Amino acid sequence: MNALAATNRNFRHASRLLGLDSKIEKSLLIPFREIKVECTIPKDDGSLVSYVGFRVQHDNARGPMKGGIRYHPEVDPDEVNALAQLMTWKTAVVDIPYGGAKGGIGCNPKDLSKSELERLTRVFTQKIHDLIGIHTDVPAPDMGTNAQTMAWILDEYSKFHGHSPAIVTGKPIDLGGSLGREAATGRGVVYATEALLTEHGKSIKDLTFAIQGFGNVGSWVARLIHEKGGKVIAVSDITGAVKNPSGIDIKELLKHKERTGSLKDFNGGDAMDAHELLVHECDVLIPCALGGVLNRENAAEVKAKYIIEAANHPTDPEADKILCKKGVLILPDIYANAGGVTVSYFEWVQNIQGFMWDEEKVNRELRRYMTRDTRYEDIGQNKSLRKSNLRIAMASMAITSSLHIASSTHHVTKKQQPQSGTARSLGSKQVANVVTLDVEGQKGFNTAEHHVKSASYNEKSNNAKDEMEHGSDTNTGPCGPKFVDERWKNGTWDLNMFVHDGKMDWDGVIVAEARRRKFLELHPEAATNQDPLLFRTSIIPWWA
């Protein structure tokens, strides 16, 4: 199962747990914008070569879209789309004001010289500079890119828009980068691990760890766990793997890799097959590399009791199901590796304010964001979430947060849907649990809350009752337009009929829906859905 199918599957499980309407579910899955560009550059030998670059902007309900740019041969639209969606849920879980995005170029950076990488990055920036921005879409480093890549994007973007240090995060310190950013993802993984283990009465110093991937994230995770007294007994990366049941000296391993560029021939442990690390005997397994490494072929052999997803979607749905049946507790990627985007947010804030923080403050704030409410307290208070695994529970929290923001932006609050099969008269002054919309009249941005309460019709609703009972000879009025055709009866009318002077008449929409339901109550044979009394989300969309 590819990354996009796996991500969509997890989302659908969460949306069904929340009881989302299928139209809302579909609208949340479809990205805001997908960008595909050709990047042709001259190589150092004078030949021309073309690469394909992508940028998927998934959702901006919570704020500017945020996500990394990766250079990797396997970059494709599905992978980028899946990662952009994960960024939307990740920023919602840790409650930072971003939406999700992701980008990449299908290339192998190891095959390109530094000057070729610079030319490729600058051409890519030229193609997308009008579609990114400080308050629109803020890129960051990812696999195959680094602070230097961000410096090139910043410089190229500034040619078109003026000096804009907040256009990227993860850039060099001298250009406005944040202290602590390099270690942020790995440090966040360790903070998340501590929170999980504490809830289960355990600590890092009492457990053994196997770490798959020894790049930026994996090396920082290993270093910080080692400093906290944890025993790292196995480490692997693309160059090889090493194990030591007594614990690996991570400082010495880091020196060895810096000196040789490889994990091979390390004197502080024994060589092992890199593929065996995932099923190696340990308490905690931390995948820090590519996605999909845990699958149905190897999930049954995993011996770890806890899996901390430092990589993006390292566990596919089939493996997820097998591991859950085995009782393995998985801390999902949308929370576990959110430290990077959290400190990227801090960097963005510092750039906008023009006031830089010291590293101690960055790390202190990172711990606070990663552990506030411990994320588990919210789940524990919801019985339906508690019955599911952490992945679905946290995805549900993220979706709910995004819907809250989207609804409050438009001053709309949704009430509880009535049980199907129960007829209710819309003519009475008080109707319990009728699905309707509260359209708040205040100006500005106010946070709306989903709530359940009995609905009482106000004077306008009484007018609607009179209008339905006695009719009206006017085309417009307090009860909205009087339709000259039959479209309102079956809900096939559209919202453009309620636009007056460029503004939407939502009171008219609500009254029209009440009239339609009254008609269907009297003439059920005209219904076009299974339960004609249920609120039709096709009439009033959730984003209205």
Protein backbone atom coordinates (compact mmCIF):
# COMPACT_ATOMS: atom_id res chain seq x y z
CA MET A 1 0.00 0.00 0.00
CA ASN A 2 1.48 3.33 -1.03
CA ALA A 3 1.81 6.29 1.29
CA LEU A 4 -1.27 8.17 0.08
CA ALA A 5 -3.56 5.13 0.32
CA ALA A 6 -2.29 4.39 3.83
CA THR A 7 -2.74 8.00 4.99
CA ASN A 8 -6.24 8.21 3.51
CA ARG A 9 -7.19 4.93 5.15
CA ASN A 10 -6.15 6.16 8.60
CA PHE A 11 -8.01 9.43 8.01
CA ARG A 12 -11.21 7.63 7.03
CA HIS A 13 -11.06 5.47 10.16
CA ALA A 14 -10.78 8.62 12.28
CA SER A 15 -13.52 10.48 10.39
CA ARG A 16 -15.92 7.56 10.83
CA LEU A 17 -15.12 7.47 14.52
CA LEU A 18 -16.11 11.14 14.62
CA GLY A 19 -19.20 10.54 12.46
CA LEU A 20 -18.19 13.04 9.78
CA ASP A 21 -20.42 13.51 6.77
CA SER A 22 -18.95 12.00 3.60
CA LYS A 23 -18.85 15.41 1.90
CA ILE A 24 -16.81 16.91 4.74
CA GLU A 25 -14.54 13.88 4.68
CA LYS A 26 -13.93 14.30 0.97
CA SER A 27 -13.28 18.03 1.25
CA LEU A 28 -10.67 17.44 3.97
CA LEU A 29 -8.87 14.85 1.85
CA ILE A 30 -8.62 16.93 -1.31
CA PRO A 31 -5.59 19.28 -1.21
CA PHE A 32 -5.96 23.02 -1.57
CA ARG A 33 -3.49 23.13 -4.44
CA GLU A 34 -1.12 20.75 -6.27
CA ILE A 35 1.85 22.16 -8.16
CA LYS A 36 4.01 20.26 -10.66
CA VAL A 37 6.88 22.01 -12.43
CA GLU A 38 9.71 21.15 -14.80
CA CYS A 39 13.18 22.11 -13.62
CA THR A 40 15.80 22.05 -16.39
CA ILE A 41 19.37 22.95 -15.46
CA PRO A 42 22.81 22.82 -17.10
CA LYS A 43 25.13 20.29 -15.50
CA ASP A 44 28.77 21.02 -14.80
CA ASP A 45 29.75 19.19 -18.02
CA GLY A 46 27.51 21.46 -20.12
CA SER A 47 24.71 18.96 -20.75
CA LEU A 48 21.09 19.71 -19.88
CA VAL A 49 19.03 17.62 -17.49
CA SER A 50 15.40 17.95 -16.44
CA TYR A 51 13.77 17.07 -13.15
CA VAL A 52 10.16 17.23 -11.96
CA GLY A 53 9.37 19.24 -8.85
CA PHE A 54 6.22 19.08 -6.74
CA ARG A 55 4.55 21.21 -4.09
CA VAL A 56 1.26 20.11 -2.55
CA GLN A 57 -0.56 22.63 -0.36
CA HIS A 58 -3.09 20.60 1.57
CA ASP A 59 -4.96 22.90 3.95
CA ASN A 60 -4.75 26.48 5.22
CA ALA A 61 -7.68 26.56 7.67
CA ARG A 62 -5.36 26.91 10.68
CA GLY A 63 -2.84 29.30 9.11
CA PRO A 64 -0.02 29.38 6.53
CA MET A 65 0.77 25.99 5.04
CA LYS A 66 3.99 24.44 6.30
CA GLY A 67 6.10 21.53 5.16
CA GLY A 68 9.50 20.39 4.01
CA ILE A 69 11.08 20.03 0.60
CA ARG A 70 12.83 16.72 -0.03
CA TYR A 71 15.28 15.67 -2.74
CA HIS A 72 14.97 11.94 -3.32
CA PRO A 73 14.69 9.63 -6.36
CA GLU A 74 11.36 8.21 -5.13
CA VAL A 75 9.58 11.56 -4.80
CA ASP A 76 6.22 11.31 -6.58
CA PRO A 77 2.81 13.04 -6.40
CA ASP A 78 1.25 10.41 -4.13
CA GLU A 79 4.07 10.53 -1.60
CA VAL A 80 4.10 14.33 -1.50
CA ASN A 81 0.30 14.43 -1.19
CA ALA A 82 0.39 11.99 1.73
CA LEU A 83 3.12 13.93 3.52
CA ALA A 84 1.27 17.22 3.02
CA GLN A 85 -1.83 15.71 4.60
CA LEU A 86 0.22 14.38 7.52
CA MET A 87 1.58 17.90 8.08
CA THR A 88 -1.98 19.22 8.40
CA TRP A 89 -2.77 16.75 11.18
CA LYS A 90 0.66 17.12 12.79
CA THR A 91 0.38 20.89 13.23
CA ALA A 92 -3.14 20.45 14.60
CA VAL A 93 -2.05 17.83 17.16
CA VAL A 94 0.64 20.08 18.64
CA ASP A 95 -1.66 23.11 18.24
CA ILE A 96 0.47 25.48 16.20
CA PRO A 97 -1.18 27.88 13.70
CA TYR A 98 -0.17 26.16 10.48
CA GLY A 99 -1.75 24.07 7.77
CA GLY A 100 -0.01 21.29 5.89
CA ALA A 101 2.15 21.28 2.76
CA LYS A 102 5.01 19.26 1.29
CA GLY A 103 7.30 19.47 -1.69
CA GLY A 104 10.11 17.69 -3.40
CA ILE A 105 12.14 17.04 -6.51
CA GLY A 106 12.68 13.57 -7.96
CA CYS A 107 16.47 13.49 -7.97
CA ASN A 108 19.37 11.85 -6.19
CA PRO A 109 21.29 14.67 -4.47
CA LYS A 110 24.35 12.42 -4.13
CA ASP A 111 24.68 12.39 -7.93
CA LEU A 112 24.73 16.19 -8.14
CA SER A 113 27.54 18.61 -7.34
CA LYS A 114 26.96 21.50 -4.97
CA SER A 115 26.70 23.96 -7.87
CA GLU A 116 24.18 21.70 -9.65
CA LEU A 117 22.10 21.45 -6.48
CA GLU A 118 22.15 25.23 -6.19
CA ARG A 119 20.99 25.69 -9.79
CA LEU A 120 18.23 23.12 -9.32
CA THR A 121 17.02 24.76 -6.11
CA ARG A 122 16.98 28.22 -7.63
CA VAL A 123 15.07 27.08 -10.74
CA PHE A 124 12.52 25.30 -8.54
CA THR A 125 12.09 28.48 -6.47
CA GLN A 126 11.61 30.56 -9.63
CA LYS A 127 8.78 28.26 -10.67
CA ILE A 128 6.88 28.38 -7.35
CA HIS A 129 7.79 31.76 -5.80
CA ASP A 130 4.35 33.26 -6.58
CA LEU A 131 2.62 30.37 -4.79
CA ILE A 132 4.59 30.44 -1.54
CA GLY A 133 4.92 33.29 0.94
CA ILE A 134 5.49 34.30 4.55
CA HIS A 135 1.76 34.07 5.28
CA THR A 136 0.91 31.56 2.54
CA ASP A 137 3.29 28.60 2.44
CA VAL A 138 6.60 28.31 4.32
CA PRO A 139 9.01 25.55 3.17
CA ALA A 140 11.59 23.80 5.37
CA PRO A 141 14.33 21.16 4.98
CA ASP A 142 13.50 17.49 4.61
CA MET A 143 15.22 14.37 3.34
CA GLY A 144 18.11 15.29 1.03
CA THR A 145 17.94 19.01 1.82
CA ASN A 146 19.49 21.11 4.57
CA ALA A 147 20.13 24.63 5.81
CA GLN A 148 22.13 25.47 2.67
CA THR A 149 19.15 24.53 0.48
CA MET A 150 16.95 26.87 2.50
CA ALA A 151 19.52 29.66 2.10
CA TRP A 152 19.32 29.30 -1.69
CA ILE A 153 15.51 29.41 -1.60
CA LEU A 154 15.59 32.50 0.64
CA ASP A 155 18.03 34.29 -1.65
CA GLU A 156 16.12 33.44 -4.83
CA TYR A 157 12.73 34.33 -3.35
CA SER A 158 14.11 37.65 -2.08
CA LYS A 159 15.05 38.62 -5.65
CA PHE A 160 11.35 38.74 -6.47
CA HIS A 161 9.80 39.84 -3.17
CA GLY A 162 12.51 41.65 -1.21
CA HIS A 163 14.38 40.36 1.82
CA SER A 164 12.07 37.82 3.45
CA PRO A 165 13.82 35.74 6.13
CA ALA A 166 10.50 34.18 7.27
CA ILE A 167 9.88 32.57 3.87
CA VAL A 168 11.74 29.41 4.95
CA THR A 169 12.70 27.80 8.23
CA GLY A 170 15.64 25.57 9.02
CA LYS A 171 18.04 28.06 7.42
CA PRO A 172 21.55 28.96 8.69
CA ILE A 173 21.73 30.86 11.98
CA ASP A 174 23.43 33.83 10.29
CA LEU A 175 20.45 34.25 7.95
CA GLY A 176 17.84 34.20 10.71
CA GLY A 177 17.73 30.51 11.58
CA SER A 178 16.76 29.46 15.08
CA LEU A 179 19.09 27.98 17.63
CA GLY A 180 18.04 24.42 18.45
CA ARG A 181 16.45 23.79 15.03
CA GLU A 182 18.97 21.14 13.95
CA ALA A 183 18.21 18.94 16.96
CA ALA A 184 14.52 19.85 17.17
CA THR A 185 12.95 16.77 15.56
CA GLY A 186 15.12 14.34 17.49
CA ARG A 187 14.65 16.25 20.74
CA GLY A 188 10.89 16.28 20.20
CA VAL A 189 10.94 12.51 19.66
CA VAL A 190 12.67 12.08 23.02
CA TYR A 191 10.20 14.41 24.79
CA ALA A 192 7.28 12.47 23.28
CA THR A 193 8.88 9.16 24.30
CA GLU A 194 9.31 10.38 27.87
CA ALA A 195 5.65 11.44 28.01
CA LEU A 196 4.48 8.04 26.79
CA LEU A 197 6.75 6.03 29.07
CA THR A 198 5.87 8.15 32.10
CA GLU A 199 2.20 7.40 31.55
CA HIS A 200 3.05 3.70 31.69
CA GLY A 201 5.26 3.99 34.76
CA LYS A 202 8.56 3.58 32.93
CA SER A 203 11.58 5.76 32.14
CA ILE A 204 14.23 5.92 29.42
CA LYS A 205 17.06 4.82 31.70
CA ASP A 206 15.35 1.49 32.42
CA LEU A 207 14.84 0.40 28.79
CA THR A 208 16.74 -0.77 25.71
CA PHE A 209 16.40 0.97 22.33
CA ALA A 210 16.93 0.05 18.66
CA ILE A 211 17.17 2.98 16.25
CA GLN A 212 16.68 2.54 12.50
CA GLY A 213 18.25 5.48 10.67
CA PHE A 214 21.27 7.47 11.79
CA GLY A 215 20.87 10.70 9.89
CA ASN A 216 19.96 14.00 11.51
CA VAL A 217 16.94 12.71 13.42
CA GLY A 218 18.28 9.27 14.32
CA SER A 219 21.65 10.53 15.49
CA TRP A 220 20.07 13.16 17.75
CA VAL A 221 17.60 10.64 19.17
CA ALA A 222 20.45 8.22 19.93
CA ARG A 223 22.59 10.95 21.46
CA LEU A 224 19.83 12.30 23.72
CA ILE A 225 18.68 8.85 24.84
CA HIS A 226 22.30 7.95 25.63
CA GLU A 227 22.65 11.16 27.68
CA LYS A 228 19.51 10.29 29.64
CA GLY A 229 20.86 6.88 30.60
CA GLY A 230 18.98 4.79 28.05
CA LYS A 231 20.74 1.79 26.53
CA VAL A 232 20.93 1.96 22.72
CA ILE A 233 21.70 -1.63 21.70
CA ALA A 234 21.32 -1.42 17.90
CA VAL A 235 21.67 1.28 15.24
CA SER A 236 21.43 1.10 11.44
CA ASP A 237 21.49 3.34 8.38
CA ILE A 238 22.01 2.94 4.64
CA THR A 239 25.71 2.13 5.15
CA GLY A 240 25.24 -0.74 7.59
CA ALA A 241 24.22 -1.69 11.13
CA VAL A 242 25.88 -2.28 14.48
CA LYS A 243 24.68 -3.94 17.69
CA ASN A 244 25.94 -4.29 21.24
CA PRO A 245 23.73 -5.91 23.92
CA SER A 246 25.66 -4.02 26.60
CA GLY A 247 24.90 -0.67 24.94
CA ILE A 248 26.61 1.29 22.18
CA ASP A 249 28.79 4.29 23.04
CA ILE A 250 26.90 6.80 20.91
CA LYS A 251 29.53 9.53 21.20
CA GLU A 252 32.17 7.20 19.80
CA LEU A 253 29.82 6.01 17.06
CA LEU A 254 29.15 9.62 16.03
CA LYS A 255 32.90 10.29 15.83
CA HIS A 256 33.39 7.13 13.78
CA LYS A 257 30.69 8.07 11.28
CA GLU A 258 31.97 11.64 10.98
CA ARG A 259 35.44 10.28 10.30
CA THR A 260 34.51 7.45 7.88
CA GLY A 261 31.03 8.38 6.64
CA SER A 262 29.79 4.91 7.54
CA LEU A 263 28.75 2.66 10.42
CA LYS A 264 30.90 -0.16 9.10
CA ASP A 265 34.02 -1.29 10.97
CA PHE A 266 32.97 0.33 14.25
CA ASN A 267 34.96 -1.24 17.07
CA GLY A 268 32.32 -0.66 19.75
CA GLY A 269 29.90 -3.32 18.51
CA ASP A 270 29.22 -6.19 16.15
CA ALA A 271 28.02 -5.82 12.58
CA MET A 272 24.50 -7.00 11.79
CA ASP A 273 22.10 -7.10 8.85
CA ALA A 274 20.38 -3.72 8.66
CA HIS A 275 17.04 -5.39 7.85
CA GLU A 276 17.20 -7.38 11.08
CA LEU A 277 17.23 -4.28 13.25
CA LEU A 278 13.46 -3.85 12.97
CA VAL A 279 12.91 -7.29 14.54
CA HIS A 280 15.82 -7.08 16.98
CA GLU A 281 15.13 -7.85 20.64
CA CYS A 282 14.55 -4.50 22.43
CA ASP A 283 12.03 -2.60 24.53
CA VAL A 284 11.60 0.41 22.23
CA LEU A 285 11.97 0.51 18.44
CA ILE A 286 12.43 3.94 16.84
CA PRO A 287 12.25 4.05 13.01
CA CYS A 288 13.88 7.32 11.88
CA ALA A 289 14.29 6.77 8.13
CA LEU A 290 11.90 6.07 5.24
CA GLY A 291 8.21 5.25 5.38
CA GLY A 292 6.68 1.81 5.03
CA VAL A 293 9.53 -0.09 6.70
CA LEU A 294 7.13 -1.94 8.99
CA ASN A 295 4.77 -4.01 6.87
CA ARG A 296 2.83 -7.25 6.92
CA GLU A 297 5.97 -9.24 6.04
CA ASN A 298 7.91 -8.29 9.18
CA ALA A 299 5.31 -6.94 11.65
CA ALA A 300 4.63 -10.34 13.24
CA GLU A 301 8.34 -10.70 14.07
CA VAL A 302 8.72 -7.34 15.82
CA LYS A 303 9.79 -7.91 19.43
CA ALA A 304 9.65 -4.34 20.74
CA LYS A 305 6.94 -3.38 23.22
CA TYR A 306 6.84 0.25 22.08
CA ILE A 307 7.32 1.80 18.63
CA ILE A 308 8.06 5.53 18.39
CA GLU A 309 7.50 6.78 14.83
CA ALA A 310 10.27 9.33 14.28
CA ALA A 311 9.95 8.80 10.50
CA ASN A 312 6.87 9.75 8.48
CA HIS A 313 4.38 6.86 8.07
CA PRO A 314 6.92 4.07 8.79
CA THR A 315 4.10 1.63 9.63
CA ASP A 316 1.63 0.63 6.94
CA PRO A 317 -2.00 -0.19 7.88
CA GLU A 318 -1.56 -3.96 7.61
CA ALA A 319 1.40 -3.85 9.99
CA ASP A 320 -0.54 -1.50 12.26
CA LYS A 321 -3.29 -4.06 12.63
CA ILE A 322 -0.86 -6.93 13.32
CA LEU A 323 1.11 -4.93 15.90
CA CYS A 324 -2.03 -3.76 17.70
CA LYS A 325 -3.19 -7.37 18.03
CA LYS A 326 0.20 -8.22 19.53
CA GLY A 327 -0.23 -5.47 22.12
CA VAL A 328 2.57 -3.26 20.76
CA LEU A 329 1.95 0.39 21.62
CA ILE A 330 2.69 2.72 18.69
CA LEU A 331 3.26 6.45 19.21
CA PRO A 332 2.18 7.89 15.81
CA ASP A 333 4.29 10.11 13.60
CA ILE A 334 1.86 13.05 13.64
CA TYR A 335 2.82 13.55 17.27
CA ALA A 336 6.17 11.80 17.77
CA ASN A 337 8.14 13.73 15.13
CA ALA A 338 6.35 17.08 15.47
CA GLY A 339 9.33 18.69 17.20
CA GLY A 340 10.79 19.86 13.90
CA VAL A 341 7.74 21.77 12.73
CA THR A 342 7.25 23.17 16.25
CA VAL A 343 10.70 24.77 16.31
CA SER A 344 10.16 25.85 12.69
CA TYR A 345 7.16 27.74 14.04
CA PHE A 346 9.40 29.32 16.68
CA GLU A 347 11.88 30.36 13.95
CA TRP A 348 9.08 31.85 11.84
CA VAL A 349 7.82 33.83 14.85
CA GLN A 350 11.34 35.09 15.61
CA ASN A 351 11.82 36.22 12.01
CA ILE A 352 8.52 38.09 11.94
CA GLN A 353 9.22 39.77 15.29
CA GLY A 354 12.88 40.43 14.50
CA PHE A 355 13.74 39.14 17.96
CA MET A 356 15.79 35.96 18.36
CA TRP A 357 15.62 33.50 21.27
CA ASP A 358 18.47 31.74 23.04
CA GLU A 359 18.69 27.95 22.73
CA GLU A 360 17.55 27.36 26.29
CA LYS A 361 14.26 29.14 25.61
CA VAL A 362 13.77 27.22 22.33
CA ASN A 363 14.21 23.87 24.07
CA ARG A 364 12.03 24.91 27.01
CA GLU A 365 9.21 25.99 24.71
CA LEU A 366 9.60 22.82 22.64
CA ARG A 367 9.14 20.65 25.72
CA ARG A 368 6.09 22.68 26.72
CA TYR A 369 4.44 22.31 23.30
CA MET A 370 5.23 18.59 23.06
CA THR A 371 3.99 17.73 26.55
CA ARG A 372 1.29 20.28 27.42
CA ASP A 373 -1.88 18.43 28.38
CA THR A 374 0.40 15.44 27.61
CA ARG A 375 -1.89 14.84 24.62
CA TYR A 376 -3.03 11.68 26.42
CA GLU A 377 -5.27 13.51 28.88
CA ASP A 378 -7.41 14.73 26.00
CA ILE A 379 -7.75 11.17 24.71
CA GLY A 380 -8.42 9.76 28.16
CA GLN A 381 -11.39 12.09 28.61
CA ASN A 382 -13.03 10.70 25.46
CA LYS A 383 -14.18 7.11 25.86
CA SER A 384 -14.67 6.52 22.14
CA LEU A 385 -11.12 7.72 21.42
CA ARG A 386 -9.69 5.67 24.24
CA LYS A 387 -11.06 2.48 22.68
CA SER A 388 -9.09 3.12 19.49
CA ASN A 389 -5.33 3.06 19.06
CA LEU A 390 -3.22 6.19 19.51
CA ARG A 391 -2.89 6.75 15.77
CA ILE A 392 -6.64 6.98 15.17
CA ALA A 393 -7.20 8.84 18.43
CA MET A 394 -4.66 11.56 17.60
CA ALA A 395 -5.90 11.80 14.00
CA SER A 396 -9.39 12.35 15.42
CA MET A 397 -8.07 15.12 17.67
CA ALA A 398 -6.37 16.76 14.70
CA ILE A 399 -9.46 16.58 12.49
CA THR A 400 -11.63 18.01 15.24
CA SER A 401 -9.20 20.89 15.76
CA SER A 402 -9.18 21.69 12.02
CA LEU A 403 -12.98 21.63 11.87
CA HIS A 404 -13.22 23.93 14.90
CA ILE A 405 -10.99 26.49 13.19
CA ALA A 406 -12.81 26.20 9.87
CA SER A 407 -16.22 26.65 11.46
CA SER A 408 -15.19 29.50 13.76
CA THR A 409 -13.59 31.38 10.88
CA HIS A 410 -17.05 31.65 9.37
CA HIS A 411 -18.91 32.07 12.69
CA VAL A 412 -20.80 28.81 12.26
CA THR A 413 -21.59 26.31 15.02
CA LYS A 414 -23.02 22.89 14.29
CA LYS A 415 -25.61 21.32 16.57
CA GLN A 416 -26.37 17.68 17.24
CA GLN A 417 -28.03 15.72 14.46
CA PRO A 418 -31.38 14.14 15.39
CA GLN A 419 -31.92 10.40 15.41
CA SER A 420 -33.22 9.24 12.04
CA GLY A 421 -36.72 7.88 11.73
CA THR A 422 -38.31 10.36 14.18
CA ALA A 423 -40.75 12.85 12.69
CA ARG A 424 -40.71 16.36 14.11
CA SER A 425 -42.93 19.30 13.37
CA LEU A 426 -41.02 22.34 12.21
CA GLY A 427 -44.01 24.54 12.97
CA SER A 428 -43.75 24.35 16.75
CA LYS A 429 -41.98 27.08 18.67
CA GLN A 430 -39.56 24.70 20.37
CA VAL A 431 -38.00 21.68 18.70
CA ALA A 432 -35.45 19.54 20.53
CA ASN A 433 -32.21 18.48 18.85
CA VAL A 434 -33.03 19.80 15.38
CA VAL A 435 -30.01 20.06 13.12
CA THR A 436 -29.49 23.66 12.11
CA LEU A 437 -26.74 26.26 12.04
CA ASP A 438 -26.08 29.12 14.44
CA VAL A 439 -24.82 31.98 12.30
CA GLU A 440 -23.11 34.37 14.70
CA GLY A 441 -23.53 38.03 13.92
CA GLN A 442 -20.39 39.40 15.51
CA LYS A 443 -17.52 40.73 13.44
CA GLY A 444 -13.91 39.66 13.61
CA PHE A 445 -12.42 36.29 14.40
CA ASN A 446 -14.08 34.46 17.26
CA THR A 447 -13.53 30.88 18.30
CA ALA A 448 -16.74 28.84 17.94
CA GLU A 449 -17.27 25.63 19.86
CA HIS A 450 -19.11 22.52 18.77
CA HIS A 451 -21.89 22.06 21.27
CA VAL A 452 -25.11 20.10 21.79
CA LYS A 453 -28.20 21.83 23.10
CA SER A 454 -31.95 22.10 22.45
CA ALA A 455 -32.78 24.46 19.61
CA SER A 456 -35.39 27.17 20.15
CA TYR A 457 -36.75 28.94 17.12
CA ASN A 458 -36.60 32.71 17.36
CA GLU A 459 -38.88 35.27 15.84
CA LYS A 460 -37.49 34.64 12.37
CA SER A 461 -38.35 30.97 12.70
CA ASN A 462 -41.88 31.89 13.69
CA ASN A 463 -42.02 34.08 10.61
CA ALA A 464 -40.86 31.08 8.64
CA LYS A 465 -43.72 29.05 10.11
CA ASP A 466 -46.24 31.72 9.09
CA GLU A 467 -44.67 31.93 5.65
CA MET A 468 -44.96 28.17 5.18
CA GLU A 469 -48.55 28.10 6.39
CA HIS A 470 -49.89 31.21 4.63
CA GLY A 471 -47.45 31.70 1.76
CA SER A 472 -46.12 35.00 0.42
CA ASP A 473 -46.66 36.97 -2.72
CA THR A 474 -43.25 38.62 -2.66
CA ASN A 475 -40.03 37.26 -4.07
CA THR A 476 -37.93 38.42 -1.15
CA GLY A 477 -38.53 39.27 2.48
CA PRO A 478 -37.72 38.24 6.02
CA CYS A 479 -38.17 34.59 5.06
CA GLY A 480 -35.83 34.79 2.07
CA PRO A 481 -36.72 34.44 -1.63
CA LYS A 482 -39.93 32.86 -2.84
CA PHE A 483 -38.89 30.42 -5.54
CA VAL A 484 -40.68 30.61 -8.88
CA ASP A 485 -39.94 26.95 -9.59
CA GLU A 486 -39.98 23.66 -7.70
CA ARG A 487 -36.22 23.29 -7.11
CA TRP A 488 -36.34 24.03 -3.38
CA LYS A 489 -38.59 21.04 -2.77
CA ASN A 490 -35.93 18.41 -3.45
CA GLY A 491 -32.89 20.45 -2.56
CA THR A 492 -31.53 20.88 -6.08
CA TRP A 493 -31.38 24.65 -5.82
CA ASP A 494 -27.92 26.19 -5.36
CA LEU A 495 -26.49 28.85 -3.07
CA ASN A 496 -26.09 31.42 -5.88
CA MET A 497 -29.83 32.07 -5.57
CA PHE A 498 -29.16 33.65 -2.17
CA VAL A 499 -26.48 36.15 -3.17
CA HIS A 500 -27.57 39.76 -2.85
CA ASP A 501 -25.18 42.63 -3.57
CA GLY A 502 -22.25 40.25 -3.41
CA LYS A 503 -23.19 38.91 0.05
CA MET A 504 -24.69 35.56 1.00
CA ASP A 505 -28.12 35.69 2.69
CA TRP A 506 -27.66 32.84 5.18
CA ASP A 507 -30.91 33.62 6.98
CA GLY A 508 -32.67 33.02 3.69
CA VAL A 509 -30.82 29.75 3.21
CA ILE A 510 -31.85 28.53 6.66
CA VAL A 511 -35.49 29.46 6.11
CA ALA A 512 -35.47 27.86 2.67
CA GLU A 513 -34.18 24.65 4.19
CA ALA A 514 -36.95 24.77 6.80
CA ARG A 515 -39.54 25.23 4.02
CA ARG A 516 -38.09 22.31 2.09
CA ARG A 517 -38.23 20.04 5.12
CA LYS A 518 -41.80 21.10 5.88
CA PHE A 519 -42.77 20.18 2.33
CA LEU A 520 -41.05 16.78 2.61
CA GLU A 521 -42.78 16.15 5.92
CA LEU A 522 -46.11 16.62 4.17
CA HIS A 523 -45.03 14.91 0.94
CA PRO A 524 -42.49 12.18 1.83
CA GLU A 525 -42.83 10.65 -1.64
CA ALA A 526 -40.86 13.62 -3.01
CA ALA A 527 -37.80 12.82 -0.87
CA THR A 528 -34.50 12.27 -2.67
CA ASN A 529 -32.61 10.69 0.23
CA GLN A 530 -33.30 7.92 2.74
CA ASP A 531 -34.35 10.20 5.57
CA PRO A 532 -35.92 13.40 4.23
CA LEU A 533 -35.98 14.97 7.70
CA LEU A 534 -32.22 14.90 8.14
CA PHE A 535 -30.28 18.06 7.51
CA ARG A 536 -28.86 18.03 3.98
CA THR A 537 -25.21 19.12 4.05
CA SER A 538 -25.46 19.52 0.28
CA ILE A 539 -27.69 22.52 0.93
CA ILE A 540 -25.48 24.40 3.38
CA PRO A 541 -21.83 23.35 3.09
CA TRP A 542 -19.74 23.15 6.28
CA TRP A 543 -17.34 25.86 5.14
CA ALA A 544 -20.12 28.40 4.63
